[in-house]
């Protein structure tokens, strides 16, 4: 076998100037961190390798220094095509100053595109991204003016519009597994995810490139079970055994937890008692959209979607559902924060491209996501706010293909405070920023496309609930204790449609006792006068 065993400092010489790199990782999971840090240090010392093009499907980093933050040096990177950017704030100035060509494409598209690259397909064709800023009729996924090349186009197939993404030809793959044997075979038994590692390795190998894998340990030839090998040694050129255990963390927040990789964990469920506050009000109302026939549920990252999960458990209404998280886990207890993407005792873990096949085909029944900015057309922006680039992650794939999507968040932002007492919502301090705007800064979710697709879409805040309709959004409920004009309409940059049957939100939402059911029972009508 021709595989080399070298340290992660020496392996940088295998990466030429101008290389196209396919990089693996999800937050801190499966990230070849030691290689990235040595890549950064070598560039500072020698000025090489430079002018790199990097493709990565997921957000990679800790929001500070790790992951793709290692690439934030002028001249080091020519172009980055990423699915999520918020974890690499050091890249933001380079994007803003047009020192790199920056693109943002859906996480699912980028995870699947490496399979196309391995098979030498010229285009990845999908409807994911239509009507969003990724659509070439809008921005084509470009994040700055330095990004001049069109990497996505539109085509019509049997009367339907599709997006065609150009498939990259990586000549370097940077990956991380758990163990390598003497033939370069790679296993992932200690990693919480497998992501698109196999596809990336095949893409780089089949395009004449180098496959470089960081592992915890090297073991003897023949000691691995064949079905445990996720990257065959035939595809691997270089293996780097790490010197530092912190470079093999299972996630940004966790060094090693066996519960992430085993389904046999049995723990007594602790009592769940979610405090009655604004988060719980939003989560309770959102949870009421769950229908008895909904079985597959997705929760986005953030305090409001995560609180929906807690409320459903508190109400004993989650026993029939199976949760999914986009990097590949089914079942178990999905985690948030620096452990997002991992799950305690997952039922199963599959490769990320297959999870997005499932999502794109409508496999999710209902999803609960965050609400950052909403406009008159029902469009949502969660991806860009001035110079701050968040990116899309799996948001576009999920929101364009899920039967029911529920957005959750406060009505205003920036200092907003409210209390819940006596069965009512009492606003004690209004937020400085109104989140319901005339037009969002960047369209991450297209209300028009969702309505055409026949999706059910709701927008839940602590004081008002809206529904996506043909002409935009319709106000269908307000909270008891708020004034329609003073607290709702006066904090919107547009006037929404108002339901002829406008109601108060269910009073049980604002009471300390458990609701007893997530079925939306009859509510009291609001008398609206013009």
Protein backbone atom coordinates (compact mmCIF):
# COMPACT_ATOMS: atom_id res chain seq x y z
CA UNK A 1 0.00 0.00 0.00
CA UNK A 2 1.22 3.51 -0.78
CA UNK A 3 -0.23 5.26 2.27
CA UNK A 4 2.18 7.54 4.16
CA UNK A 5 2.22 7.91 7.93
CA UNK A 6 3.39 11.41 8.74
CA UNK A 7 2.78 14.00 11.42
CA UNK A 8 0.29 16.80 10.84
CA UNK A 9 3.06 19.37 10.49
CA UNK A 10 4.94 17.52 7.76
CA UNK A 11 1.76 16.68 5.83
CA UNK A 12 1.21 20.35 4.94
CA UNK A 13 3.85 19.94 2.21
CA UNK A 14 1.36 17.66 0.43
CA UNK A 15 -0.97 20.65 -0.12
CA UNK A 16 0.12 22.72 -3.15
CA UNK A 17 -0.56 26.38 -3.82
CA UNK A 18 -3.89 26.85 -5.56
CA UNK A 19 -5.29 23.55 -4.25
CA UNK A 20 -9.04 22.93 -4.09
CA UNK A 21 -9.69 21.49 -0.64
CA UNK A 22 -12.74 19.51 0.46
CA UNK A 23 -12.87 20.01 4.23
CA UNK A 24 -14.85 17.87 6.67
CA UNK A 25 -16.44 18.83 9.98
CA UNK A 26 -19.59 19.88 11.81
CA UNK A 27 -18.93 22.50 14.52
CA UNK A 28 -16.17 20.59 16.32
CA UNK A 29 -17.15 17.06 15.28
CA UNK A 30 -14.97 15.17 12.77
CA UNK A 31 -12.76 18.25 12.26
CA UNK A 32 -9.07 17.63 11.40
CA UNK A 33 -8.18 20.44 13.81
CA UNK A 34 -4.51 19.60 14.25
CA UNK A 35 -3.98 19.69 10.49
CA UNK A 36 -5.82 23.02 10.20
CA UNK A 37 -3.74 24.58 12.97
CA UNK A 38 -0.51 23.40 11.35
CA UNK A 39 -1.75 24.64 7.98
CA UNK A 40 -2.26 28.06 9.55
CA UNK A 41 1.13 28.06 11.27
CA UNK A 42 2.96 26.91 8.14
CA UNK A 43 1.37 29.71 6.13
CA UNK A 44 2.45 32.28 8.70
CA UNK A 45 6.01 30.95 8.57
CA UNK A 46 6.40 30.41 4.81
CA UNK A 47 3.53 32.11 2.97
CA UNK A 48 2.49 28.71 1.57
CA UNK A 49 0.25 27.04 0.67
CA UNK A 50 -1.65 30.04 -0.70
CA UNK A 51 -4.56 30.87 -3.04
CA UNK A 52 -6.55 27.90 -1.78
CA UNK A 53 -10.17 27.14 -2.68
CA UNK A 54 -12.10 25.49 0.16
CA UNK A 55 -15.46 23.71 0.07
CA UNK A 56 -17.16 22.72 3.34
CA UNK A 57 -20.76 21.66 3.88
CA UNK A 58 -21.28 22.52 7.54
CA UNK A 59 -20.18 25.22 9.94
CA UNK A 60 -16.70 24.34 11.22
CA UNK A 61 -15.34 26.06 14.31
CA UNK A 62 -16.04 27.32 17.80
CA UNK A 63 -16.89 30.95 17.06
CA UNK A 64 -13.37 31.96 18.17
CA UNK A 65 -10.17 30.40 16.86
CA UNK A 66 -10.74 26.81 15.81
CA UNK A 67 -11.93 25.24 12.56
CA UNK A 68 -12.11 27.51 9.52
CA UNK A 69 -10.90 30.46 11.62
CA UNK A 70 -7.46 28.97 10.89
CA UNK A 71 -7.91 30.00 7.25
CA UNK A 72 -8.42 33.70 7.97
CA UNK A 73 -5.14 35.06 6.61
CA UNK A 74 -4.91 37.40 3.59
CA UNK A 75 -3.55 35.52 0.58
CA UNK A 76 -4.03 32.10 2.11
CA UNK A 77 -7.52 31.63 0.70
CA UNK A 78 -8.72 32.59 -2.75
CA UNK A 79 -12.30 31.26 -2.44
CA UNK A 80 -14.54 29.64 0.16
CA UNK A 81 -17.83 27.93 -0.62
CA UNK A 82 -19.42 27.11 2.71
CA UNK A 83 -22.75 26.04 4.08
CA UNK A 84 -22.48 27.93 7.37
CA UNK A 85 -20.24 30.82 8.39
CA UNK A 86 -21.21 31.96 11.90
CA UNK A 87 -18.60 29.79 13.62
CA UNK A 88 -15.73 31.53 11.79
CA UNK A 89 -15.97 35.24 12.69
CA UNK A 90 -12.33 35.78 11.73
CA UNK A 91 -13.32 35.26 8.09
CA UNK A 92 -15.93 38.05 8.16
CA UNK A 93 -13.49 40.98 7.67
CA UNK A 94 -11.91 39.21 4.68
CA UNK A 95 -15.36 38.79 3.14
CA UNK A 96 -16.38 42.38 3.88
CA UNK A 97 -13.12 43.74 2.44
CA UNK A 98 -13.36 41.51 -0.67
CA UNK A 99 -10.08 39.78 0.10
CA UNK A 100 -11.60 36.38 -0.61
CA UNK A 101 -14.33 35.15 -2.94
CA UNK A 102 -17.15 34.11 -0.62
CA UNK A 103 -20.17 31.93 -1.41
CA UNK A 104 -22.85 30.33 0.74
CA UNK A 105 -24.79 27.31 -0.50
CA UNK A 106 -27.18 24.97 1.36
CA UNK A 107 -25.53 22.44 3.62
CA UNK A 108 -27.44 19.60 2.00
CA UNK A 109 -26.36 20.60 -1.49
CA UNK A 110 -22.72 20.77 -0.44
CA UNK A 111 -22.87 17.44 1.38
CA UNK A 112 -24.38 15.77 -1.69
CA UNK A 113 -22.21 17.55 -4.24
CA UNK A 114 -19.10 15.55 -3.26
CA UNK A 115 -20.82 12.34 -4.39
CA UNK A 116 -21.39 14.01 -7.76
CA UNK A 117 -17.74 15.02 -7.86
CA UNK A 118 -16.63 11.44 -7.19
CA UNK A 119 -18.80 10.30 -10.11
CA UNK A 120 -17.52 13.14 -12.38
CA UNK A 121 -20.99 14.63 -12.80
CA UNK A 122 -20.81 18.21 -14.06
CA UNK A 123 -23.84 19.58 -12.16
CA UNK A 124 -25.85 18.97 -9.03
CA UNK A 125 -29.49 19.55 -9.95
CA UNK A 126 -32.09 20.27 -7.28
CA UNK A 127 -34.95 22.60 -6.40
CA UNK A 128 -33.29 23.47 -3.08
CA UNK A 129 -32.49 27.18 -2.98
CA UNK A 130 -35.17 28.43 -5.37
CA UNK A 131 -36.47 31.86 -4.38
CA UNK A 132 -33.72 32.40 -1.81
CA UNK A 133 -30.56 34.50 -2.06
CA UNK A 134 -28.91 31.40 -3.54
CA UNK A 135 -31.15 31.61 -6.60
CA UNK A 136 -29.23 33.19 -9.52
CA UNK A 137 -32.22 35.49 -10.08
CA UNK A 138 -31.23 37.08 -6.75
CA UNK A 139 -27.60 36.78 -5.54
CA UNK A 140 -26.53 33.34 -6.69
CA UNK A 141 -25.17 32.57 -3.22
CA UNK A 142 -22.51 35.28 -3.54
CA UNK A 143 -21.58 37.02 -0.30
CA UNK A 144 -19.44 39.83 -1.72
CA UNK A 145 -18.42 41.54 -4.95
CA UNK A 146 -15.18 39.55 -5.14
CA UNK A 147 -17.33 36.50 -5.88
CA UNK A 148 -17.79 37.15 -9.58
CA UNK A 149 -18.06 33.64 -11.03
CA UNK A 150 -21.55 32.17 -11.31
CA UNK A 151 -21.47 28.80 -9.55
CA UNK A 152 -25.22 28.15 -9.77
CA UNK A 153 -27.59 28.52 -12.72
CA UNK A 154 -31.26 27.86 -13.38
CA UNK A 155 -32.80 25.36 -15.78
CA UNK A 156 -36.29 24.16 -16.67
CA UNK A 157 -36.98 20.43 -16.64
CA UNK A 158 -40.46 19.25 -17.70
CA UNK A 159 -41.87 22.67 -16.99
CA UNK A 160 -40.33 23.01 -13.51
CA UNK A 161 -37.50 25.29 -12.43
CA UNK A 162 -34.38 23.72 -10.96
CA UNK A 163 -31.04 25.04 -9.74
CA UNK A 164 -27.86 23.58 -11.22
CA UNK A 165 -24.82 23.86 -8.95
CA UNK A 166 -21.36 23.49 -10.49
CA UNK A 167 -19.59 20.46 -9.06
CA UNK A 168 -16.08 21.10 -7.67
CA UNK A 169 -13.06 18.97 -8.47
CA UNK A 170 -11.13 18.81 -5.16
CA UNK A 171 -7.52 17.72 -5.29
CA UNK A 172 -7.07 17.65 -1.50
CA UNK A 173 -9.36 16.10 1.11
CA UNK A 174 -8.84 16.97 4.79
CA UNK A 175 -10.67 14.49 7.04
CA UNK A 176 -10.69 13.02 10.52
CA UNK A 177 -11.54 9.52 11.69
CA UNK A 178 -10.98 7.58 14.89
CA UNK A 179 -8.48 4.88 13.92
CA UNK A 180 -6.36 3.86 10.94
CA UNK A 181 -4.74 0.50 10.36
CA UNK A 182 -1.41 -0.10 8.66
CA UNK A 183 -3.11 -0.16 5.25
CA UNK A 184 -4.77 3.24 5.80
CA UNK A 185 -8.29 1.92 6.39
CA UNK A 186 -10.24 4.40 8.51
CA UNK A 187 -12.93 3.76 11.13
CA UNK A 188 -15.17 6.22 12.96
CA UNK A 189 -16.23 4.35 16.09
CA UNK A 190 -15.40 7.22 18.50
CA UNK A 191 -16.81 9.97 16.26
CA UNK A 192 -20.42 11.01 16.88
CA UNK A 193 -20.95 11.55 13.14
CA UNK A 194 -19.71 10.21 9.82
CA UNK A 195 -20.89 13.16 7.69
CA UNK A 196 -19.76 13.00 4.04
CA UNK A 197 -16.28 11.64 4.74
CA UNK A 198 -16.56 8.70 2.34
CA UNK A 199 -17.85 10.91 -0.46
CA UNK A 200 -15.12 13.52 0.07
CA UNK A 201 -12.39 10.87 0.04
CA UNK A 202 -13.76 9.40 -3.20
CA UNK A 203 -14.09 12.85 -4.76
CA UNK A 204 -10.48 13.81 -4.11
CA UNK A 205 -9.13 10.37 -5.08
CA UNK A 206 -11.14 10.15 -8.32
CA UNK A 207 -10.02 13.64 -9.30
CA UNK A 208 -6.35 12.72 -8.95
CA UNK A 209 -5.90 14.38 -5.57
CA UNK A 210 -4.57 13.56 -2.11
CA UNK A 211 -6.68 12.23 0.76
CA UNK A 212 -5.27 13.24 4.14
CA UNK A 213 -6.83 11.83 7.31
CA UNK A 214 -6.15 12.69 10.94
CA UNK A 215 -6.77 9.89 13.48
CA UNK A 216 -6.40 9.26 17.19
CA UNK A 217 -4.36 6.07 16.85
CA UNK A 218 -2.86 3.67 14.30
CA UNK A 219 -3.63 -0.02 14.83
CA UNK A 220 -2.42 -3.29 13.34
CA UNK A 221 -3.39 -4.53 9.87
CA UNK A 222 -6.40 -6.85 9.97
CA UNK A 223 -7.64 -5.67 13.38
CA UNK A 224 -10.65 -3.80 11.98
CA UNK A 225 -14.04 -5.28 11.11
CA UNK A 226 -14.62 -4.68 7.39
CA UNK A 227 -18.06 -3.12 7.91
CA UNK A 228 -16.61 -0.62 10.41
CA UNK A 229 -14.30 0.82 7.75
CA UNK A 230 -15.87 3.98 6.34
CA UNK A 231 -12.90 5.08 4.21
CA UNK A 232 -11.05 2.23 2.46
CA UNK A 233 -7.26 2.46 2.57
CA UNK A 234 -7.20 2.42 -1.24
CA UNK A 235 -8.48 6.01 -1.12
CA UNK A 236 -6.08 7.28 1.54
CA UNK A 237 -2.71 8.89 0.79
CA UNK A 238 -1.61 10.23 4.18
CA UNK A 239 -2.51 9.38 7.76
CA UNK A 240 -1.62 11.71 10.64
CA UNK A 241 -1.72 10.39 14.19
CA UNK A 242 -2.61 13.29 16.49
CA UNK A 243 -0.33 14.33 19.32
CA UNK A 244 -2.95 16.13 21.38
CA UNK A 245 -6.25 14.68 22.63
CA UNK A 246 -7.91 18.09 22.41
CA UNK A 247 -7.59 17.77 18.64
CA UNK A 248 -9.91 14.75 18.66
CA UNK A 249 -12.83 16.18 20.64
CA UNK A 250 -16.19 14.71 19.74
CA UNK A 251 -17.68 18.20 19.63
CA UNK A 252 -16.80 21.78 20.45
CA UNK A 253 -18.05 21.24 24.00
CA UNK A 254 -17.23 17.58 24.71
CA UNK A 255 -13.93 15.74 24.65
CA UNK A 256 -15.43 12.23 24.76
CA UNK A 257 -18.83 10.91 25.82
CA UNK A 258 -19.64 7.28 25.01
CA UNK A 259 -23.34 8.15 25.07
CA UNK A 260 -22.81 9.98 21.74
CA UNK A 261 -21.94 6.75 19.94
CA UNK A 262 -23.89 4.06 21.79
CA UNK A 263 -27.61 3.32 21.74
CA UNK A 264 -27.49 1.07 24.83
CA UNK A 265 -27.45 3.91 27.35
CA UNK A 266 -30.35 3.76 29.79
CA UNK A 267 -30.83 6.69 32.14
CA UNK A 268 -33.78 7.52 34.31
CA UNK A 269 -35.61 10.50 32.89
CA UNK A 270 -35.43 13.40 35.28
CA UNK A 271 -38.43 15.55 36.05
CA UNK A 272 -38.86 18.28 33.44
CA UNK A 273 -40.14 21.56 34.78
CA UNK A 274 -39.76 24.37 32.25
CA UNK A 275 -40.12 27.78 33.93
CA UNK A 276 -43.05 29.91 32.78
CA UNK A 277 -41.46 32.73 30.82
CA UNK A 278 -41.45 34.16 27.30
CA UNK A 279 -39.51 31.17 25.94
CA UNK A 280 -42.09 28.76 27.31
CA UNK A 281 -45.00 30.83 25.95
CA UNK A 282 -43.50 30.72 22.45
CA UNK A 283 -42.59 27.03 22.72
CA UNK A 284 -46.03 26.03 24.02
CA UNK A 285 -47.84 27.76 21.19
CA UNK A 286 -45.45 26.33 18.62
CA UNK A 287 -45.82 22.82 20.05
CA UNK A 288 -49.59 23.01 19.52
CA UNK A 289 -49.00 22.74 15.76
CA UNK A 290 -47.75 19.17 16.25
CA UNK A 291 -50.41 16.79 14.93
CA UNK A 292 -51.01 13.19 16.10
CA UNK A 293 -49.87 11.88 12.71
CA UNK A 294 -46.57 13.80 12.84
CA UNK A 295 -43.83 11.29 13.60
CA UNK A 296 -40.54 12.74 12.30
CA UNK A 297 -39.55 16.00 13.95
CA UNK A 298 -36.60 18.34 13.43
CA UNK A 299 -35.49 21.02 15.90
CA UNK A 300 -33.25 23.85 14.79
CA UNK A 301 -30.45 25.21 16.93
CA UNK A 302 -31.36 27.97 19.37
CA UNK A 303 -33.19 28.49 22.65
CA UNK A 304 -36.71 28.61 21.22
CA UNK A 305 -36.66 25.40 19.14
CA UNK A 306 -34.85 23.65 22.00
CA UNK A 307 -37.55 24.81 24.44
CA UNK A 308 -40.23 23.33 22.16
CA UNK A 309 -38.53 19.98 22.67
CA UNK A 310 -38.59 20.43 26.45
CA UNK A 311 -42.25 21.47 26.46
CA UNK A 312 -43.28 18.40 24.46
CA UNK A 313 -41.44 16.18 26.93
CA UNK A 314 -42.94 18.02 29.90
CA UNK A 315 -46.41 17.44 28.46
CA UNK A 316 -45.57 13.79 27.76
CA UNK A 317 -46.33 14.46 24.10
CA UNK A 318 -43.02 13.36 22.57
CA UNK A 319 -43.24 9.61 23.07
CA UNK A 320 -44.46 8.91 19.52
CA UNK A 321 -41.98 11.11 17.66
CA UNK A 322 -38.53 10.46 16.26
CA UNK A 323 -36.16 13.41 16.19
CA UNK A 324 -33.61 13.98 13.46
CA UNK A 325 -30.62 16.28 13.22
CA UNK A 326 -29.18 17.14 9.81
CA UNK A 327 -25.63 15.74 10.20
CA UNK A 328 -27.07 12.26 10.46
CA UNK A 329 -28.69 11.25 13.77
CA UNK A 330 -32.12 9.67 14.25
CA UNK A 331 -33.68 9.42 17.69
CA UNK A 332 -32.05 9.77 21.06
CA UNK A 333 -31.86 13.16 22.74
CA UNK A 334 -30.58 15.87 20.36
CA UNK A 335 -28.15 18.28 21.99
CA UNK A 336 -27.65 22.01 21.60
CA UNK A 337 -24.88 24.54 22.03
CA UNK A 338 -21.39 23.26 21.29
CA UNK A 339 -22.77 19.70 21.14
CA UNK A 340 -25.31 20.51 18.42
CA UNK A 341 -25.43 17.74 15.83
CA UNK A 342 -24.75 15.08 18.45
CA UNK A 343 -27.38 13.11 20.36
CA UNK A 344 -27.45 11.11 23.55
CA UNK A 345 -28.05 7.45 22.72
CA UNK A 346 -29.11 7.95 19.07
CA UNK A 347 -31.13 5.16 17.49
CA UNK A 348 -29.01 5.37 14.36
CA UNK A 349 -26.45 7.56 12.65
CA UNK A 350 -26.15 7.77 8.87
CA UNK A 351 -23.98 9.75 6.47
CA UNK A 352 -25.04 13.37 6.09
CA UNK A 353 -25.76 13.21 2.31
CA UNK A 354 -28.29 10.43 2.94
CA UNK A 355 -29.95 12.45 5.69
CA UNK A 356 -30.44 15.30 3.23
CA UNK A 357 -31.83 12.85 0.66
CA UNK A 358 -34.40 12.01 3.33
CA UNK A 359 -35.07 15.70 4.05
CA UNK A 360 -35.27 16.77 0.41
CA UNK A 361 -37.78 14.02 -0.27
CA UNK A 362 -40.16 15.33 2.41
CA UNK A 363 -39.15 12.95 5.19
CA UNK A 364 -39.69 15.49 7.99
CA UNK A 365 -43.28 15.98 9.15
CA UNK A 366 -42.73 19.15 11.19
CA UNK A 367 -39.79 21.37 12.05
CA UNK A 368 -39.33 24.07 14.68
CA UNK A 369 -36.81 26.77 13.77
CA UNK A 370 -35.69 30.22 14.90
CA UNK A 371 -37.09 33.52 13.65
CA UNK A 372 -34.61 36.33 13.19
CA UNK A 373 -36.24 38.60 10.58
CA UNK A 374 -39.65 38.30 8.86
CA UNK A 375 -41.14 40.43 6.10
CA UNK A 376 -44.50 41.15 4.47
CA UNK A 377 -44.11 38.30 1.97
CA UNK A 378 -43.48 35.68 4.63
CA UNK A 379 -39.77 35.60 3.80
CA UNK A 380 -37.31 34.82 6.60
CA UNK A 381 -33.72 35.97 6.99
CA UNK A 382 -31.43 34.06 9.33
CA UNK A 383 -28.29 34.22 7.19
CA UNK A 384 -26.91 37.78 7.00
CA UNK A 385 -27.19 40.96 9.06
CA UNK A 386 -24.95 43.75 7.83
CA UNK A 387 -21.34 42.55 8.01
CA UNK A 388 -22.30 39.55 10.16
CA UNK A 389 -22.52 36.38 8.06
CA UNK A 390 -24.37 33.47 9.59
CA UNK A 391 -24.91 31.36 6.48
CA UNK A 392 -27.71 28.87 5.93
CA UNK A 393 -26.56 25.47 7.17
CA UNK A 394 -29.35 22.94 6.64
CA UNK A 395 -32.02 25.65 6.94
CA UNK A 396 -32.85 25.88 3.22
CA UNK A 397 -33.11 22.12 2.67
CA UNK A 398 -35.30 21.71 5.74
CA UNK A 399 -37.63 24.67 5.22
CA UNK A 400 -38.26 24.02 1.52
CA UNK A 401 -39.17 20.37 1.93
CA UNK A 402 -40.94 19.97 5.29
CA UNK A 403 -44.72 19.63 5.41
CA UNK A 404 -45.15 22.02 8.37
CA UNK A 405 -42.59 24.64 9.36
CA UNK A 406 -42.97 26.63 12.57
CA UNK A 407 -40.72 29.66 13.11
CA UNK A 408 -40.21 30.72 16.72
CA UNK A 409 -38.82 33.87 18.30
CA UNK A 410 -39.62 37.11 20.08
CA UNK A 411 -41.53 39.87 18.29
CA UNK A 412 -38.83 42.49 18.90
CA UNK A 413 -35.15 42.23 19.81
CA UNK A 414 -32.58 44.18 21.76
CA UNK A 415 -33.57 44.52 25.38
CA UNK A 416 -37.09 43.12 25.11
CA UNK A 417 -38.54 41.95 28.43
CA UNK A 418 -41.94 40.60 29.41
CA UNK A 419 -43.53 38.71 32.26
CA UNK A 420 -46.24 36.07 32.31
CA UNK A 421 -48.71 36.48 35.16
CA UNK A 422 -52.43 36.14 35.85
CA UNK A 423 -52.93 34.32 32.56
CA UNK A 424 -51.61 37.24 30.50
CA UNK A 425 -48.48 38.54 28.84
CA UNK A 426 -47.21 41.83 30.24
CA UNK A 427 -44.56 43.68 28.23
CA UNK A 428 -42.25 45.46 30.67
CA UNK A 429 -39.65 46.71 28.20
CA UNK A 430 -39.99 46.85 24.43
CA UNK A 431 -37.12 45.73 22.23
CA UNK A 432 -35.07 48.30 20.36
CA UNK A 433 -35.33 46.46 17.05
CA UNK A 434 -38.50 45.48 15.23
CA UNK A 435 -38.03 42.08 13.60
CA UNK A 436 -41.04 42.28 11.26
CA UNK A 437 -39.69 44.41 8.42
CA UNK A 438 -40.87 45.52 4.99
CA UNK A 439 -38.27 43.40 3.19
CA UNK A 440 -35.67 41.13 4.77
CA UNK A 441 -32.01 41.89 4.13
CA UNK A 442 -31.43 38.45 2.64
CA UNK A 443 -34.02 35.82 1.70
CA UNK A 444 -33.10 32.58 3.43
CA UNK A 445 -36.66 31.25 3.21
CA UNK A 446 -39.04 32.21 0.41
CA UNK A 447 -42.67 32.55 1.45
CA UNK A 448 -43.75 32.58 -2.19
CA UNK A 449 -42.02 29.29 -3.00
CA UNK A 450 -43.34 27.64 0.18
CA UNK A 451 -46.91 28.67 -0.60
CA UNK A 452 -46.60 27.37 -4.16
CA UNK A 453 -45.29 24.09 -2.74
CA UNK A 454 -48.37 23.76 -0.51
CA UNK A 455 -46.44 23.86 2.75
CA UNK A 456 -47.97 24.82 6.09
CA UNK A 457 -45.96 27.69 7.57
CA UNK A 458 -46.51 29.48 10.89
CA UNK A 459 -44.65 32.27 12.67
CA UNK A 460 -44.98 32.16 16.46
CA UNK A 461 -43.96 34.98 18.81
CA UNK A 462 -44.84 35.67 22.41
CA UNK A 463 -47.55 38.15 21.46
CA UNK A 464 -48.75 37.23 17.97
CA UNK A 465 -49.12 34.22 15.69
CA UNK A 466 -49.09 34.51 11.89
CA UNK A 467 -49.85 32.08 9.08
CA UNK A 468 -48.42 32.09 5.55
CA UNK A 469 -51.15 32.79 2.97
CA UNK A 470 -51.19 33.61 -0.75
CA UNK A 471 -50.69 37.35 -0.25
CA UNK A 472 -48.13 37.23 2.54
CA UNK A 473 -48.77 36.62 6.23
CA UNK A 474 -52.04 36.70 8.14
CA UNK A 475 -52.38 37.52 11.83
CA UNK A 476 -54.44 34.72 13.38
CA UNK A 477 -53.87 35.10 17.15
CA UNK A 478 -52.63 37.59 19.74
CA UNK A 479 -51.72 37.07 23.39
CA UNK A 480 -54.11 38.01 26.16
CA UNK A 481 -52.85 41.17 27.84
CA UNK A 482 -51.46 42.86 24.71
CA UNK A 483 -53.08 45.58 22.64
CA UNK A 484 -53.44 44.79 18.94
CA UNK A 485 -52.45 48.26 17.76
CA UNK A 486 -50.00 49.42 20.43
CA UNK A 487 -48.09 46.15 20.93
CA UNK A 488 -48.43 44.41 17.56
CA UNK A 489 -49.24 46.58 14.54
CA UNK A 490 -47.17 49.57 15.76
CA UNK A 491 -44.07 47.35 15.81
CA UNK A 492 -44.44 46.12 12.23
CA UNK A 493 -43.05 47.87 9.16
CA UNK A 494 -46.09 46.72 7.20
CA UNK A 495 -49.73 46.01 7.85
CA UNK A 496 -50.46 42.28 7.73
CA UNK A 497 -53.68 40.63 6.71
CA UNK A 498 -55.80 40.16 9.81
CA UNK A 499 -57.99 37.10 10.15
CA UNK A 500 -61.72 37.68 10.29
CA UNK A 501 -61.64 35.16 13.12
CA UNK A 502 -58.74 36.68 15.07
CA UNK A 503 -58.38 34.89 18.41
CA UNK A 504 -56.55 35.10 21.69
CA UNK A 505 -53.84 32.50 22.13
CA UNK A 506 -55.00 29.60 24.32
CA UNK A 507 -55.10 30.85 27.93
CA UNK A 508 -53.44 27.62 29.17
CA UNK A 509 -50.22 28.82 27.52
CA UNK A 510 -49.96 31.61 30.10
CA UNK A 511 -50.77 29.57 33.20
CA UNK A 512 -48.31 27.72 35.48
CA UNK A 513 -50.04 24.34 35.32
CA UNK A 514 -49.27 21.85 32.59
CA UNK A 515 -51.49 22.29 29.56
CA UNK A 516 -52.54 18.66 29.63
CA UNK A 517 -52.63 18.50 25.84
CA UNK A 518 -50.96 20.08 22.84
CA UNK A 519 -54.22 19.99 20.91
CA UNK A 520 -55.30 23.50 20.01
CA UNK A 521 -58.75 23.64 21.56
CA UNK A 522 -61.32 26.39 21.13
CA UNK A 523 -60.02 29.85 22.00
CA UNK A 524 -61.73 33.11 22.72
CA UNK A 525 -62.30 35.48 19.79
CA UNK A 526 -60.84 38.97 19.82
CA UNK A 527 -63.12 41.83 18.92
CA UNK A 528 -61.20 43.86 16.34
CA UNK A 529 -62.38 47.36 15.48
CA UNK A 530 -61.02 49.47 12.70
